[in-house]
Amino acid sequence: MGSYVWVSFGVLGTYSVDLRWAFTTRIALLLLVVPALISLGRPVLLAKAALSDTAGKRLDRFLDSRLIRFTGNAVFEPVFSVAIFLIFLTPL
């Protein structure tokens, strides 16, 4: 979570309104680096250990859902990346 705080409230977060390079660097870090660093903390295993049995079963059902299986597929990442670049490079 420290990487999120550093990117959002540090130099990049402060000057992203005024400087285009700070904005694009901030967004790229938030989309690519921060999730990778957060995943190193193994948040799903932490949640499973902290939740009760019924809440753990609900979490397992959610993780087995179609939405999670679709977005967790390796084919989804390039589609997501293209969508993000379309937002940056077009009037969308």
N, C-alpha and C. Protein backbone atom coordinates (compact mmCIF):
# COMPACT_ATOMS: atom_id res chain seq x y z
N MET A 1 0.82 -1.19 0.00
CA MET A 1 0.00 0.00 0.00
C MET A 1 0.86 1.26 0.00
N GLY A 2 2.09 1.11 0.43
CA GLY A 2 2.99 2.25 0.43
C GLY A 2 3.27 2.77 -0.96
N SER A 3 3.33 1.87 -1.94
CA SER A 3 3.56 2.31 -3.32
C SER A 3 2.38 3.13 -3.84
N TYR A 4 1.16 2.74 -3.46
CA TYR A 4 -0.02 3.51 -3.85
C TYR A 4 0.02 4.90 -3.23
N VAL A 5 0.36 4.96 -1.96
CA VAL A 5 0.42 6.25 -1.27
C VAL A 5 1.50 7.13 -1.89
N TRP A 6 2.66 6.55 -2.19
CA TRP A 6 3.75 7.32 -2.78
C TRP A 6 3.36 7.87 -4.15
N VAL A 7 2.72 7.04 -4.97
CA VAL A 7 2.34 7.48 -6.32
C VAL A 7 1.21 8.50 -6.25
N SER A 8 0.24 8.28 -5.39
CA SER A 8 -0.94 9.16 -5.36
C SER A 8 -0.70 10.48 -4.64
N PHE A 9 0.11 10.47 -3.58
CA PHE A 9 0.25 11.67 -2.76
C PHE A 9 1.65 12.26 -2.80
N GLY A 10 2.54 11.67 -3.55
CA GLY A 10 3.90 12.19 -3.67
C GLY A 10 4.00 13.22 -4.76
N VAL A 11 5.18 13.32 -5.34
CA VAL A 11 5.44 14.31 -6.38
C VAL A 11 4.53 14.09 -7.59
N LEU A 12 4.34 12.85 -7.98
CA LEU A 12 3.50 12.57 -9.16
C LEU A 12 2.05 12.95 -8.90
N GLY A 13 1.55 12.66 -7.72
CA GLY A 13 0.17 13.02 -7.40
C GLY A 13 -0.03 14.52 -7.28
N THR A 14 0.99 15.19 -6.77
CA THR A 14 0.89 16.63 -6.59
C THR A 14 0.89 17.38 -7.92
N TYR A 15 1.78 16.99 -8.82
CA TYR A 15 1.95 17.73 -10.07
C TYR A 15 1.23 17.10 -11.26
N SER A 16 0.46 16.04 -11.05
CA SER A 16 -0.21 15.40 -12.19
C SER A 16 -1.28 16.28 -12.81
N VAL A 17 -1.79 17.25 -12.06
CA VAL A 17 -2.79 18.18 -12.62
C VAL A 17 -2.13 19.16 -13.58
N ASP A 18 -0.89 19.55 -13.29
CA ASP A 18 -0.21 20.57 -14.08
C ASP A 18 0.71 20.02 -15.16
N LEU A 19 1.32 18.88 -14.93
CA LEU A 19 2.31 18.34 -15.87
C LEU A 19 1.80 17.04 -16.50
N ARG A 20 1.82 17.01 -17.81
CA ARG A 20 1.33 15.83 -18.53
C ARG A 20 2.18 14.59 -18.24
N TRP A 21 3.52 14.76 -18.18
CA TRP A 21 4.38 13.61 -17.94
C TRP A 21 4.15 13.02 -16.55
N ALA A 22 3.84 13.87 -15.58
CA ALA A 22 3.56 13.38 -14.23
C ALA A 22 2.24 12.62 -14.20
N PHE A 23 1.26 13.10 -14.96
CA PHE A 23 -0.03 12.42 -15.04
C PHE A 23 0.11 11.04 -15.68
N THR A 24 0.78 10.98 -16.83
CA THR A 24 0.90 9.69 -17.52
C THR A 24 1.78 8.71 -16.74
N THR A 25 2.82 9.21 -16.09
CA THR A 25 3.66 8.34 -15.27
C THR A 25 2.86 7.82 -14.08
N ARG A 26 2.08 8.68 -13.47
CA ARG A 26 1.25 8.26 -12.33
C ARG A 26 0.25 7.19 -12.74
N ILE A 27 -0.43 7.39 -13.85
CA ILE A 27 -1.43 6.42 -14.30
C ILE A 27 -0.75 5.09 -14.66
N ALA A 28 0.38 5.16 -15.35
CA ALA A 28 1.09 3.92 -15.71
C ALA A 28 1.53 3.16 -14.47
N LEU A 29 2.03 3.86 -13.48
CA LEU A 29 2.44 3.19 -12.24
C LEU A 29 1.24 2.61 -11.50
N LEU A 30 0.13 3.35 -11.49
CA LEU A 30 -1.06 2.84 -10.81
C LEU A 30 -1.65 1.63 -11.51
N LEU A 31 -1.50 1.54 -12.82
CA LEU A 31 -2.06 0.41 -13.55
C LEU A 31 -1.13 -0.80 -13.61
N LEU A 32 0.17 -0.57 -13.60
CA LEU A 32 1.09 -1.67 -13.83
C LEU A 32 1.93 -2.06 -12.61
N VAL A 33 2.47 -1.10 -11.91
CA VAL A 33 3.43 -1.41 -10.84
C VAL A 33 2.74 -1.63 -9.50
N VAL A 34 1.82 -0.74 -9.14
CA VAL A 34 1.18 -0.84 -7.83
C VAL A 34 0.42 -2.16 -7.66
N PRO A 35 -0.37 -2.63 -8.64
CA PRO A 35 -1.02 -3.93 -8.45
C PRO A 35 -0.03 -5.08 -8.29
N ALA A 36 1.08 -5.02 -9.00
CA ALA A 36 2.08 -6.07 -8.86
C ALA A 36 2.68 -6.07 -7.46
N LEU A 37 2.95 -4.90 -6.92
CA LEU A 37 3.51 -4.82 -5.58
C LEU A 37 2.48 -5.22 -4.52
N ILE A 38 1.23 -4.85 -4.72
CA ILE A 38 0.19 -5.26 -3.77
C ILE A 38 0.01 -6.77 -3.79
N SER A 39 0.10 -7.38 -4.96
CA SER A 39 -0.07 -8.84 -5.04
C SER A 39 1.04 -9.60 -4.33
N LEU A 40 2.19 -8.97 -4.14
CA LEU A 40 3.25 -9.62 -3.39
C LEU A 40 2.87 -9.85 -1.93
N GLY A 41 1.92 -9.07 -1.43
CA GLY A 41 1.44 -9.24 -0.06
C GLY A 41 0.43 -10.37 0.09
N ARG A 42 0.06 -11.02 -1.00
CA ARG A 42 -0.90 -12.12 -1.02
C ARG A 42 -2.20 -11.77 -0.29
N PRO A 43 -2.93 -10.80 -0.83
CA PRO A 43 -4.13 -10.34 -0.13
C PRO A 43 -5.25 -11.37 -0.07
N VAL A 44 -5.34 -12.26 -1.05
CA VAL A 44 -6.41 -13.26 -1.02
C VAL A 44 -6.16 -14.28 0.09
N LEU A 45 -4.92 -14.73 0.23
CA LEU A 45 -4.61 -15.66 1.32
C LEU A 45 -4.80 -15.00 2.68
N LEU A 46 -4.45 -13.72 2.77
CA LEU A 46 -4.66 -12.98 4.01
C LEU A 46 -6.14 -12.88 4.35
N ALA A 47 -6.96 -12.61 3.34
CA ALA A 47 -8.40 -12.51 3.56
C ALA A 47 -8.98 -13.86 3.97
N LYS A 48 -8.54 -14.94 3.33
CA LYS A 48 -9.03 -16.27 3.69
C LYS A 48 -8.67 -16.62 5.13
N ALA A 49 -7.48 -16.23 5.56
CA ALA A 49 -7.06 -16.52 6.94
C ALA A 49 -7.83 -15.68 7.95
N ALA A 50 -8.22 -14.47 7.57
CA ALA A 50 -8.87 -13.56 8.52
C ALA A 50 -10.38 -13.74 8.58
N LEU A 51 -11.00 -14.27 7.52
CA LEU A 51 -12.46 -14.36 7.46
C LEU A 51 -12.97 -15.60 8.20
N SER A 52 -14.24 -15.53 8.58
CA SER A 52 -14.89 -16.69 9.19
C SER A 52 -15.18 -17.73 8.11
N ASP A 53 -15.70 -18.87 8.52
CA ASP A 53 -15.96 -19.96 7.56
C ASP A 53 -16.99 -19.57 6.51
N THR A 54 -18.08 -18.93 6.93
CA THR A 54 -19.12 -18.57 5.95
C THR A 54 -18.62 -17.48 5.00
N ALA A 55 -17.91 -16.51 5.53
CA ALA A 55 -17.38 -15.46 4.67
C ALA A 55 -16.29 -16.02 3.76
N GLY A 56 -15.52 -16.97 4.24
CA GLY A 56 -14.51 -17.62 3.39
C GLY A 56 -15.14 -18.39 2.25
N LYS A 57 -16.28 -19.03 2.52
CA LYS A 57 -16.99 -19.75 1.45
C LYS A 57 -17.54 -18.78 0.41
N ARG A 58 -18.03 -17.61 0.87
CA ARG A 58 -18.51 -16.60 -0.07
C ARG A 58 -17.36 -16.07 -0.93
N LEU A 59 -16.21 -15.89 -0.30
CA LEU A 59 -15.04 -15.44 -1.05
C LEU A 59 -14.63 -16.48 -2.09
N ASP A 60 -14.67 -17.75 -1.72
CA ASP A 60 -14.35 -18.81 -2.68
C ASP A 60 -15.34 -18.84 -3.84
N ARG A 61 -16.63 -18.64 -3.54
CA ARG A 61 -17.63 -18.60 -4.61
C ARG A 61 -17.37 -17.42 -5.54
N PHE A 62 -17.01 -16.27 -4.97
CA PHE A 62 -16.72 -15.10 -5.79
C PHE A 62 -15.49 -15.35 -6.67
N LEU A 63 -14.46 -15.96 -6.11
CA LEU A 63 -13.24 -16.22 -6.88
C LEU A 63 -13.46 -17.26 -7.98
N ASP A 64 -14.48 -18.10 -7.82
CA ASP A 64 -14.82 -19.08 -8.85
C ASP A 64 -15.84 -18.55 -9.85
N SER A 65 -16.24 -17.29 -9.73
CA SER A 65 -17.26 -16.73 -10.62
C SER A 65 -16.71 -16.50 -12.03
N ARG A 66 -17.62 -16.30 -12.95
CA ARG A 66 -17.24 -16.07 -14.35
C ARG A 66 -16.42 -14.81 -14.54
N LEU A 67 -16.81 -13.75 -13.84
CA LEU A 67 -16.11 -12.47 -13.96
C LEU A 67 -14.64 -12.62 -13.57
N ILE A 68 -14.36 -13.26 -12.48
CA ILE A 68 -12.99 -13.42 -12.02
C ILE A 68 -12.22 -14.36 -12.94
N ARG A 69 -12.87 -15.41 -13.41
CA ARG A 69 -12.18 -16.31 -14.36
C ARG A 69 -11.87 -15.60 -15.66
N PHE A 70 -12.77 -14.70 -16.11
CA PHE A 70 -12.53 -13.97 -17.36
C PHE A 70 -11.41 -12.96 -17.20
N THR A 71 -11.47 -12.14 -16.15
CA THR A 71 -10.44 -11.13 -15.97
C THR A 71 -9.11 -11.71 -15.51
N GLY A 72 -9.13 -12.90 -14.94
CA GLY A 72 -7.89 -13.55 -14.53
C GLY A 72 -7.21 -14.30 -15.65
N ASN A 73 -7.85 -14.38 -16.79
CA ASN A 73 -7.29 -15.08 -17.94
C ASN A 73 -6.17 -14.23 -18.57
N ALA A 74 -5.15 -14.88 -19.07
CA ALA A 74 -4.02 -14.18 -19.67
C ALA A 74 -4.42 -13.43 -20.95
N VAL A 75 -5.50 -13.83 -21.59
CA VAL A 75 -5.95 -13.17 -22.81
C VAL A 75 -6.56 -11.80 -22.49
N PHE A 76 -7.07 -11.62 -21.29
CA PHE A 76 -7.73 -10.37 -20.91
C PHE A 76 -6.75 -9.21 -20.79
N GLU A 77 -5.54 -9.45 -20.37
CA GLU A 77 -4.57 -8.37 -20.13
C GLU A 77 -4.29 -7.53 -21.36
N PRO A 78 -3.99 -8.11 -22.53
CA PRO A 78 -3.77 -7.25 -23.71
C PRO A 78 -5.02 -6.45 -24.10
N VAL A 79 -6.19 -7.04 -23.93
CA VAL A 79 -7.43 -6.31 -24.24
C VAL A 79 -7.57 -5.12 -23.29
N PHE A 80 -7.29 -5.33 -22.03
CA PHE A 80 -7.35 -4.25 -21.05
C PHE A 80 -6.32 -3.17 -21.37
N SER A 81 -5.11 -3.57 -21.73
CA SER A 81 -4.06 -2.60 -22.07
C SER A 81 -4.44 -1.76 -23.29
N VAL A 82 -5.00 -2.39 -24.30
CA VAL A 82 -5.43 -1.66 -25.50
C VAL A 82 -6.54 -0.67 -25.14
N ALA A 83 -7.45 -1.08 -24.28
CA ALA A 83 -8.53 -0.18 -23.86
C ALA A 83 -7.97 1.04 -23.12
N ILE A 84 -6.99 0.82 -22.28
CA ILE A 84 -6.38 1.94 -21.55
C ILE A 84 -5.67 2.88 -22.51
N PHE A 85 -4.90 2.33 -23.48
CA PHE A 85 -4.22 3.19 -24.43
C PHE A 85 -5.21 3.94 -25.32
N LEU A 86 -6.34 3.34 -25.64
CA LEU A 86 -7.37 4.05 -26.39
C LEU A 86 -7.89 5.25 -25.62
N ILE A 87 -8.02 5.11 -24.33
CA ILE A 87 -8.47 6.22 -23.51
C ILE A 87 -7.44 7.34 -23.52
N PHE A 88 -6.15 6.99 -23.49
CA PHE A 88 -5.11 8.01 -23.46
C PHE A 88 -4.91 8.67 -24.82
N LEU A 89 -5.02 7.91 -25.90
CA LEU A 89 -4.61 8.42 -27.21
C LEU A 89 -5.74 8.92 -28.09
N THR A 90 -6.96 8.72 -27.69
CA THR A 90 -8.10 9.16 -28.49
C THR A 90 -8.99 10.08 -27.66
N PRO A 91 -9.92 10.76 -28.30
CA PRO A 91 -10.84 11.63 -27.54
C PRO A 91 -11.81 10.87 -26.65
N LEU A 92 -11.78 9.56 -26.66
CA LEU A 92 -12.64 8.78 -25.77
C LEU A 92 -12.42 9.23 -24.36
